[in-house]
C-alpha atoms as a PDB file:
ATOM      1  CA  MET A   1     144.450-118.563 107.565  1.00  0.00           C
ATOM      2  CA  ASP A   2     146.257-118.646 110.911  1.00  0.00           C
ATOM      3  CA  LYS A   3     148.648-115.959 109.694  1.00  0.00           C
ATOM      4  CA  PHE A   4     145.743-113.848 108.454  1.00  0.00           C
ATOM      5  CA  LEU A   5     143.902-114.120 111.768  1.00  0.00           C
ATOM      6  CA  ALA A   6     147.065-113.246 113.652  1.00  0.00           C
ATOM      7  CA  HIS A   7     147.511-110.226 111.390  1.00  0.00           C
ATOM      8  CA  LEU A   8     143.860-109.281 111.885  1.00  0.00           C
ATOM      9  CA  VAL A   9     144.051-109.111 115.681  1.00  0.00           C
ATOM     10  CA  LYS A  10     147.545-107.643 115.855  1.00  0.00           C
ATOM     11  CA  ILE A  11     147.774-104.689 118.213  1.00  0.00           C
ATOM     12  CA  GLN A  12     149.533-101.581 116.952  1.00  0.00           C
ATOM     13  CA  PRO A  13     151.436 -99.245 119.283  1.00  0.00           C
ATOM     14  CA  ALA A  14     149.631 -96.089 120.322  1.00  0.00           C
ATOM     15  CA  PRO A  15     150.261 -93.170 117.941  1.00  0.00           C
ATOM     16  CA  GLU A  16     152.067 -90.000 118.871  1.00  0.00           C
ATOM     17  CA  PRO A  17     149.758 -87.392 120.469  1.00  0.00           C
ATOM     18  CA  TRP A  18     150.158 -85.110 117.456  1.00  0.00           C
ATOM     19  CA  VAL A  19     148.691 -87.819 115.193  1.00  0.00           C
ATOM     20  CA  VAL A  20     145.477 -87.874 117.238  1.00  0.00           C
ATOM     21  CA  ALA A  21     145.289 -84.074 117.310  1.00  0.00           C
ATOM     22  CA  VAL A  22     146.012 -83.580 113.608  1.00  0.00           C
ATOM     23  CA  SER A  23     143.549 -86.300 112.587  1.00  0.00           C
ATOM     24  CA  ALA A  24     140.838 -84.660 114.707  1.00  0.00           C
ATOM     25  CA  LEU A  25     141.608 -81.278 113.129  1.00  0.00           C
ATOM     26  CA  ALA A  26     141.527 -82.781 109.625  1.00  0.00           C
ATOM     27  CA  ALA A  27     138.130 -84.360 110.278  1.00  0.00           C
ATOM     28  CA  LEU A  28     136.834 -81.092 111.746  1.00  0.00           C
ATOM     29  CA  VAL A  29     137.905 -79.219 108.619  1.00  0.00           C
ATOM     30  CA  ILE A  30     136.246 -81.808 106.369  1.00  0.00           C
ATOM     31  CA  VAL A  31     132.971 -81.652 108.287  1.00  0.00           C
ATOM     32  CA  GLY A  32     133.070 -77.911 108.912  1.00  0.00           C
ATOM     33  CA  PHE A  33     133.634 -76.587 105.386  1.00  0.00           C
ATOM     34  CA  THR A  34     130.679 -76.726 103.014  1.00  0.00           C
ATOM     35  CA  THR A  35     132.540 -77.961  99.928  1.00  0.00           C
ATOM     36  CA  SER A  36     134.421 -80.772 101.643  1.00  0.00           C
ATOM     37  CA  TRP A  37     131.289 -81.731 103.569  1.00  0.00           C
ATOM     38  CA  HIS A  38     129.223 -82.063 100.393  1.00  0.00           C
ATOM     39  CA  LEU A  39     131.944 -84.254  98.872  1.00  0.00           C
ATOM     40  CA  THR A  40     132.128 -86.594 101.875  1.00  0.00           C
ATOM     41  CA  ARG A  41     128.607 -86.506 103.317  1.00  0.00           C
ATOM     42  CA  GLY A  42     127.716 -89.588 101.293  1.00  0.00           C
ATOM     43  CA  LEU A  43     129.951 -91.623 103.612  1.00  0.00           C
ATOM     44  CA  VAL A  44     127.767 -90.602 106.550  1.00  0.00           C
ATOM     45  CA  THR A  45     124.713 -91.534 104.482  1.00  0.00           C
ATOM     46  CA  ILE A  46     126.160 -95.027 103.992  1.00  0.00           C
ATOM     47  CA  ALA A  47     126.425 -95.402 107.781  1.00  0.00           C
ATOM     48  CA  HIS A  48     122.932 -93.894 108.228  1.00  0.00           C
ATOM     49  CA  GLU A  49     121.242 -96.292 105.821  1.00  0.00           C
ATOM     50  CA  GLY A  50     123.317 -99.172 107.161  1.00  0.00           C
ATOM     51  CA  GLY A  51     121.880 -98.431 110.593  1.00  0.00           C
ATOM     52  CA  HIS A  52     118.328 -98.601 109.249  1.00  0.00           C
ATOM     53  CA  ALA A  53     119.104-101.866 107.445  1.00  0.00           C
ATOM     54  CA  LEU A  54     120.758-103.534 110.426  1.00  0.00           C
ATOM     55  CA  MET A  55     117.922-102.611 112.780  1.00  0.00           C
ATOM     56  CA  ALA A  56     115.356-103.829 110.244  1.00  0.00           C
ATOM     57  CA  LEU A  57     117.084-107.213 110.200  1.00  0.00           C
ATOM     58  CA  LEU A  58     117.355-107.332 113.999  1.00  0.00           C
ATOM     59  CA  THR A  59     113.643-106.569 114.383  1.00  0.00           C
ATOM     60  CA  ARG A  60     112.764-109.144 111.707  1.00  0.00           C
ATOM     61  CA  ARG A  61     111.357-106.715 109.201  1.00  0.00           C
ATOM     62  CA  LYS A  62     111.750-107.760 105.564  1.00  0.00           C
ATOM     63  CA  LEU A  63     114.628-105.766 104.093  1.00  0.00           C
ATOM     64  CA  GLU A  64     114.010-105.092 100.394  1.00  0.00           C
ATOM     65  CA  GLY A  65     117.050-102.957  99.628  1.00  0.00           C
ATOM     66  CA  ILE A  66     118.954 -99.702  99.979  1.00  0.00           C
ATOM     67  CA  ARG A  67     119.268 -96.764  97.605  1.00  0.00           C
ATOM     68  CA  LEU A  68     121.979 -94.098  97.746  1.00  0.00           C
ATOM     69  CA  HIS A  69     121.466 -90.947  95.683  1.00  0.00           C
ATOM     70  CA  SER A  70     123.839 -88.402  94.163  1.00  0.00           C
ATOM     71  CA  ASP A  71     122.457 -85.610  96.397  1.00  0.00           C
ATOM     72  CA  THR A  72     123.865 -87.623  99.398  1.00  0.00           C
ATOM     73  CA  SER A  73     120.384 -88.707 100.462  1.00  0.00           C
ATOM     74  CA  GLY A  74     119.374 -92.326 100.785  1.00  0.00           C
ATOM     75  CA  VAL A  75     116.472 -94.619 101.553  1.00  0.00           C
ATOM     76  CA  THR A  76     116.188 -98.071 103.087  1.00  0.00           C
ATOM     77  CA  LEU A  77     113.214-100.083 101.863  1.00  0.00           C
ATOM     78  CA  THR A  78     111.606-102.468 104.347  1.00  0.00           C
ATOM     79  CA  ARG A  79     108.344-104.331 104.514  1.00  0.00           C
ATOM     80  CA  GLY A  80     106.311-105.315 107.532  1.00  0.00           C
ATOM     81  CA  ARG A  81     103.928-103.755 110.011  1.00  0.00           C
ATOM     82  CA  PRO A  82     103.711 -99.989 109.405  1.00  0.00           C
ATOM     83  CA  THR A  83     103.594 -99.405 113.156  1.00  0.00           C
ATOM     84  CA  GLY A  84     104.964-101.070 116.269  1.00  0.00           C
ATOM     85  CA  PRO A  85     108.375-101.397 117.979  1.00  0.00           C
ATOM     86  CA  GLY A  86     110.134-102.812 114.916  1.00  0.00           C
ATOM     87  CA  MET A  87     109.219 -99.831 112.760  1.00  0.00           C
ATOM     88  CA  VAL A  88     110.081 -97.372 115.543  1.00  0.00           C
ATOM     89  CA  LEU A  89     113.508 -98.895 116.151  1.00  0.00           C
ATOM     90  CA  THR A  90     114.246 -99.050 112.432  1.00  0.00           C
ATOM     91  CA  ALA A  91     113.411 -95.368 111.996  1.00  0.00           C
ATOM     92  CA  LEU A  92     115.362 -94.478 115.135  1.00  0.00           C
ATOM     93  CA  ALA A  93     118.574 -96.194 114.046  1.00  0.00           C
ATOM     94  CA  GLY A  94     119.526 -94.036 111.056  1.00  0.00           C
ATOM     95  CA  TYR A  95     120.721 -90.820 112.676  1.00  0.00           C
ATOM     96  CA  LEU A  96     122.284 -92.733 115.578  1.00  0.00           C
ATOM     97  CA  ALA A  97     124.331 -95.103 113.411  1.00  0.00           C
ATOM     98  CA  PRO A  98     127.224 -92.830 112.298  1.00  0.00           C
ATOM     99  CA  SER A  99     127.939 -91.664 115.840  1.00  0.00           C
ATOM    100  CA  LEU A 100     127.655 -95.142 117.366  1.00  0.00           C
ATOM    101  CA  LEU A 101     129.842 -96.619 114.634  1.00  0.00           C
ATOM    102  CA  GLY A 102     132.336 -93.843 115.325  1.00  0.00           C
ATOM    103  CA  LEU A 103     132.270 -94.676 119.034  1.00  0.00           C
ATOM    104  CA  GLY A 104     132.918 -98.332 118.269  1.00  0.00           C
ATOM    105  CA  GLY A 105     135.726 -97.327 115.937  1.00  0.00           C
ATOM    106  CA  ALA A 106     137.202 -95.114 118.672  1.00  0.00           C
ATOM    107  CA  TRP A 107     137.271 -98.082 121.035  1.00  0.00           C
ATOM    108  CA  LEU A 108     139.056-100.245 118.465  1.00  0.00           C
ATOM    109  CA  THR A 109     141.615 -97.553 117.627  1.00  0.00           C
ATOM    110  CA  ALA A 110     142.245 -96.960 121.317  1.00  0.00           C
ATOM    111  CA  GLN A 111     142.935-100.692 121.661  1.00  0.00           C
ATOM    112  CA  GLY A 112     145.359-100.565 118.729  1.00  0.00           C
ATOM    113  CA  ARG A 113     143.140-102.836 116.608  1.00  0.00           C
ATOM    114  CA  ILE A 114     143.558-100.809 113.431  1.00  0.00           C
ATOM    115  CA  THR A 115     143.717-103.775 111.044  1.00  0.00           C
ATOM    116  CA  LEU A 116     140.591-105.287 112.585  1.00  0.00           C
ATOM    117  CA  LEU A 117     138.781-101.955 112.221  1.00  0.00           C
ATOM    118  CA  VAL A 118     139.728-101.668 108.545  1.00  0.00           C
ATOM    119  CA  TRP A 119     138.479-105.167 107.775  1.00  0.00           C
ATOM    120  CA  LEU A 120     135.248-104.677 109.720  1.00  0.00           C
ATOM    121  CA  VAL A 121     134.576-101.567 107.625  1.00  0.00           C
ATOM    122  CA  LEU A 122     135.290-103.589 104.479  1.00  0.00           C
ATOM    123  CA  ILE A 123     132.854-106.328 105.545  1.00  0.00           C
ATOM    124  CA  PHE A 124     130.234-103.683 106.332  1.00  0.00           C
ATOM    125  CA  LEU A 125     130.601-102.190 102.852  1.00  0.00           C
ATOM    126  CA  VAL A 126     130.363-105.599 101.170  1.00  0.00           C
ATOM    127  CA  CYS A 127     127.143-106.340 103.069  1.00  0.00           C
ATOM    128  CA  MET A 128     125.767-102.958 102.004  1.00  0.00           C
ATOM    129  CA  LEU A 129     126.704-103.692  98.385  1.00  0.00           C
ATOM    130  CA  LEU A 130     124.653-106.898  98.474  1.00  0.00           C
ATOM    131  CA  LEU A 131     121.612-104.852  99.502  1.00  0.00           C
ATOM    132  CA  ILE A 132     122.011-101.889  97.156  1.00  0.00           C
ATOM    133  CA  ARG A 133     119.294-101.405  94.552  1.00  0.00           C
ATOM    134  CA  ASN A 134     120.518 -98.582  92.315  1.00  0.00           C
ATOM    135  CA  LEU A 135     123.546 -98.031  90.087  1.00  0.00           C
ATOM    136  CA  TYR A 136     124.843 -94.866  91.742  1.00  0.00           C
ATOM    137  CA  GLY A 137     124.753 -96.521  95.146  1.00  0.00           C
ATOM    138  CA  ALA A 138     126.618 -99.545  93.818  1.00  0.00           C
ATOM    139  CA  LEU A 139     129.307 -97.332  92.270  1.00  0.00           C
ATOM    140  CA  ILE A 140     129.792 -95.361  95.488  1.00  0.00           C
ATOM    141  CA  LEU A 141     130.097 -98.539  97.558  1.00  0.00           C
ATOM    142  CA  LEU A 142     132.493-100.119  95.062  1.00  0.00           C
ATOM    143  CA  ALA A 143     134.678 -97.004  95.066  1.00  0.00           C
ATOM    144  CA  THR A 144     134.665 -96.756  98.854  1.00  0.00           C
ATOM    145  CA  GLY A 145     135.218-100.473  99.330  1.00  0.00           C
ATOM    146  CA  GLY A 146     138.006-100.482  96.753  1.00  0.00           C
ATOM    147  CA  ALA A 147     139.755 -97.654  98.578  1.00  0.00           C
ATOM    148  CA  VAL A 148     139.461 -99.453 101.914  1.00  0.00           C
ATOM    149  CA  PHE A 149     140.717-102.712 100.388  1.00  0.00           C
ATOM    150  CA  ALA A 150     143.700-100.961  98.803  1.00  0.00           C
ATOM    151  CA  LEU A 151     144.450 -99.335 102.153  1.00  0.00           C
ATOM    152  CA  SER A 152     144.389-102.694 103.935  1.00  0.00           C
ATOM    153  CA  MET A 153     146.551-104.456 101.343  1.00  0.00           C
ATOM    154  CA  TYR A 154     149.127-101.890 100.277  1.00  0.00           C
ATOM    155  CA  ALA A 155     149.381 -99.066 102.811  1.00  0.00           C
ATOM    156  CA  PRO A 156     151.947 -99.278 105.647  1.00  0.00           C
ATOM    157  CA  LEU A 157     150.496 -99.807 109.106  1.00  0.00           C
ATOM    158  CA  ASP A 158     151.319 -96.277 110.238  1.00  0.00           C
ATOM    159  CA  VAL A 159     149.409 -94.867 107.238  1.00  0.00           C
ATOM    160  CA  GLN A 160     146.464 -97.137 108.041  1.00  0.00           C
ATOM    161  CA  GLN A 161     146.557 -95.827 111.588  1.00  0.00           C
ATOM    162  CA  VAL A 162     146.387 -92.184 110.511  1.00  0.00           C
ATOM    163  CA  VAL A 163     143.552 -92.857 108.047  1.00  0.00           C
ATOM    164  CA  ALA A 164     141.663 -94.848 110.692  1.00  0.00           C
ATOM    165  CA  TYR A 165     141.886 -91.992 113.188  1.00  0.00           C
ATOM    166  CA  VAL A 166     140.701 -89.446 110.605  1.00  0.00           C
ATOM    167  CA  ALA A 167     137.816 -91.744 109.611  1.00  0.00           C
ATOM    168  CA  VAL A 168     136.729 -92.296 113.220  1.00  0.00           C
ATOM    169  CA  TRP A 169     136.843 -88.577 114.006  1.00  0.00           C
ATOM    170  CA  PHE A 170     134.924 -87.964 110.776  1.00  0.00           C
ATOM    171  CA  LEU A 171     132.121 -90.310 111.847  1.00  0.00           C
ATOM    172  CA  LEU A 172     131.958 -88.795 115.327  1.00  0.00           C
ATOM    173  CA  LEU A 173     131.865 -85.225 114.037  1.00  0.00           C
ATOM    174  CA  GLY A 174     129.904 -86.081 110.894  1.00  0.00           C
ATOM    175  CA  GLY A 175     127.229 -87.712 113.012  1.00  0.00           C
ATOM    176  CA  VAL A 176     126.391 -84.340 114.562  1.00  0.00           C
ATOM    177  CA  ARG A 177     126.089 -82.087 111.511  1.00  0.00           C
ATOM    178  CA  PRO A 178     123.219 -83.941 109.738  1.00  0.00           C
ATOM    179  CA  ILE A 179     121.116 -83.640 112.899  1.00  0.00           C
ATOM    180  CA  ILE A 180     121.631 -79.876 112.971  1.00  0.00           C
ATOM    181  CA  GLU A 181     120.813 -79.723 109.267  1.00  0.00           C
ATOM    182  CA  LEU A 182     117.693 -81.799 109.904  1.00  0.00           C
ATOM    183  CA  GLN A 183     116.385 -79.359 112.494  1.00  0.00           C
ATOM    184  CA  ARG A 184     117.028 -76.406 110.166  1.00  0.00           C
ATOM    185  CA  LYS A 185     114.987 -78.095 107.451  1.00  0.00           C
ATOM    186  CA  ARG A 186     112.214 -78.920 109.925  1.00  0.00           C
ATOM    187  CA  ARG A 187     111.991 -75.263 110.945  1.00  0.00           C
ATOM    188  CA  ARG A 188     111.489 -74.358 107.280  1.00  0.00           C
ATOM    189  CA  ARG A 189     108.979 -77.205 106.900  1.00  0.00           C
ATOM    190  CA  GLN A 190     111.211 -78.869 104.308  1.00  0.00           C
ATOM    191  CA  ALA A 191     111.510 -82.268 106.004  1.00  0.00           C
ATOM    192  CA  ARG A 192     107.971 -83.470 106.615  1.00  0.00           C
ATOM    193  CA  ASP A 193     108.982 -87.097 105.982  1.00  0.00           C
ATOM    194  CA  SER A 194     112.230 -87.057 107.971  1.00  0.00           C
ATOM    195  CA  ASP A 195     113.028 -89.850 110.413  1.00  0.00           C
ATOM    196  CA  ALA A 196     112.092 -87.568 113.328  1.00  0.00           C
ATOM    197  CA  ASP A 197     108.706 -86.735 111.820  1.00  0.00           C
ATOM    198  CA  GLN A 198     108.036 -90.381 110.962  1.00  0.00           C
ATOM    199  CA  LEU A 199     108.806 -91.255 114.581  1.00  0.00           C
ATOM    200  CA  ALA A 200     106.439 -88.515 115.739  1.00  0.00           C
ATOM    201  CA  ARG A 201     103.663 -90.102 113.692  1.00  0.00           C
ATOM    202  CA  LEU A 202     104.511 -93.549 115.071  1.00  0.00           C
ATOM    203  CA  THR A 203     104.583 -92.465 118.722  1.00  0.00           C
ATOM    204  CA  PHE A 204     103.048 -89.879 121.014  1.00  0.00           C
ATOM    205  CA  LEU A 205     106.244 -87.805 121.187  1.00  0.00           C
ATOM    206  CA  PRO A 206     106.887 -84.759 118.949  1.00  0.00           C
ATOM    207  CA  GLY A 207     109.537 -84.740 116.235  1.00  0.00           C
ATOM    208  CA  GLY A 208     111.597 -82.179 118.150  1.00  0.00           C
ATOM    209  CA  PHE A 209     112.058 -84.702 120.951  1.00  0.00           C
ATOM    210  CA  TYR A 210     113.685 -87.153 118.565  1.00  0.00           C
ATOM    211  CA  VAL A 211     115.952 -84.484 117.101  1.00  0.00           C
ATOM    212  CA  LEU A 212     117.095 -83.669 120.641  1.00  0.00           C
ATOM    213  CA  PHE A 213     117.572 -87.376 121.363  1.00  0.00           C
ATOM    214  CA  PHE A 214     119.655 -87.818 118.201  1.00  0.00           C
ATOM    215  CA  LEU A 215     121.763 -84.823 119.199  1.00  0.00           C
ATOM    216  CA  LEU A 216     122.305 -86.062 122.754  1.00  0.00           C
ATOM    217  CA  VAL A 217     123.449 -89.491 121.551  1.00  0.00           C
ATOM    218  CA  ALA A 218     125.729 -87.936 118.930  1.00  0.00           C
ATOM    219  CA  GLY A 219     127.197 -85.538 121.497  1.00  0.00           C
ATOM    220  CA  ALA A 220     127.734 -88.308 124.038  1.00  0.00           C
ATOM    221  CA  SER A 221     129.359 -90.492 121.379  1.00  0.00           C
ATOM    222  CA  LEU A 222     131.684 -87.638 120.382  1.00  0.00           C
ATOM    223  CA  ALA A 223     132.664 -87.040 123.997  1.00  0.00           C
ATOM    224  CA  GLY A 224     133.154 -90.760 124.620  1.00  0.00           C
ATOM    225  CA  GLY A 225     135.166 -91.222 121.445  1.00  0.00           C
ATOM    226  CA  ALA A 226     137.376 -88.235 122.249  1.00  0.00           C
ATOM    227  CA  TYR A 227     137.991 -89.653 125.729  1.00  0.00           C
ATOM    228  CA  LEU A 228     138.890 -93.094 124.358  1.00  0.00           C
ATOM    229  CA  MET A 229     141.277 -91.732 121.740  1.00  0.00           C
ATOM    230  CA  SER A 230     142.835 -89.075 123.941  1.00  0.00           C
ATOM    231  CA  PRO A 231     146.583 -89.684 124.281  1.00  0.00           C
ATOM    232  CA  PHE A 232     146.662 -87.990 127.680  1.00  0.00           C
END
């Protein structure tokens, strides 16, 4: 156990500047192209629903489960007061979670704590698996968790570092695109039950305000993450 803990908190040397740049470019390509985005968007959904679930627990709402769907959508089922601060914070957390998780990941990578980051992601996925309530969601989490576990056990540290940087950039950039997509759907009146519109019904502020708030947090997280990971 002592050896494992020492391995867990081991600090890796900073990567070459080109590693940071190439990983950012790779994540930008993944998020920017429609095909690759549709194949990977489910990972952002995992973070999104995890944010709802974590906030529900923190606000003492009863968490009944999470569902992840093949169209990359998801839903977190909670029970409690239909109004009030707990419900507002739970609804607010979803679109903020990917960007804030990316910012936290950027801080860990900047500190050289790559192994710790990988294991924290693995723990997060295991906790999500315990809460999942549909077969597709369980399969996606098992596949993702299995890949992360294999990375932590068998991949060299420099490979783990590259993958970690790509994943962090992906969360930071991938946290922005769903918000833009949300506003497009709202303009077409195709997202009447979106988190922003639920928040509008729960508070006196319009849904557009929450979309702007989501976008500001995501943009600030991206800027902060880029600053933390910058090799210059």
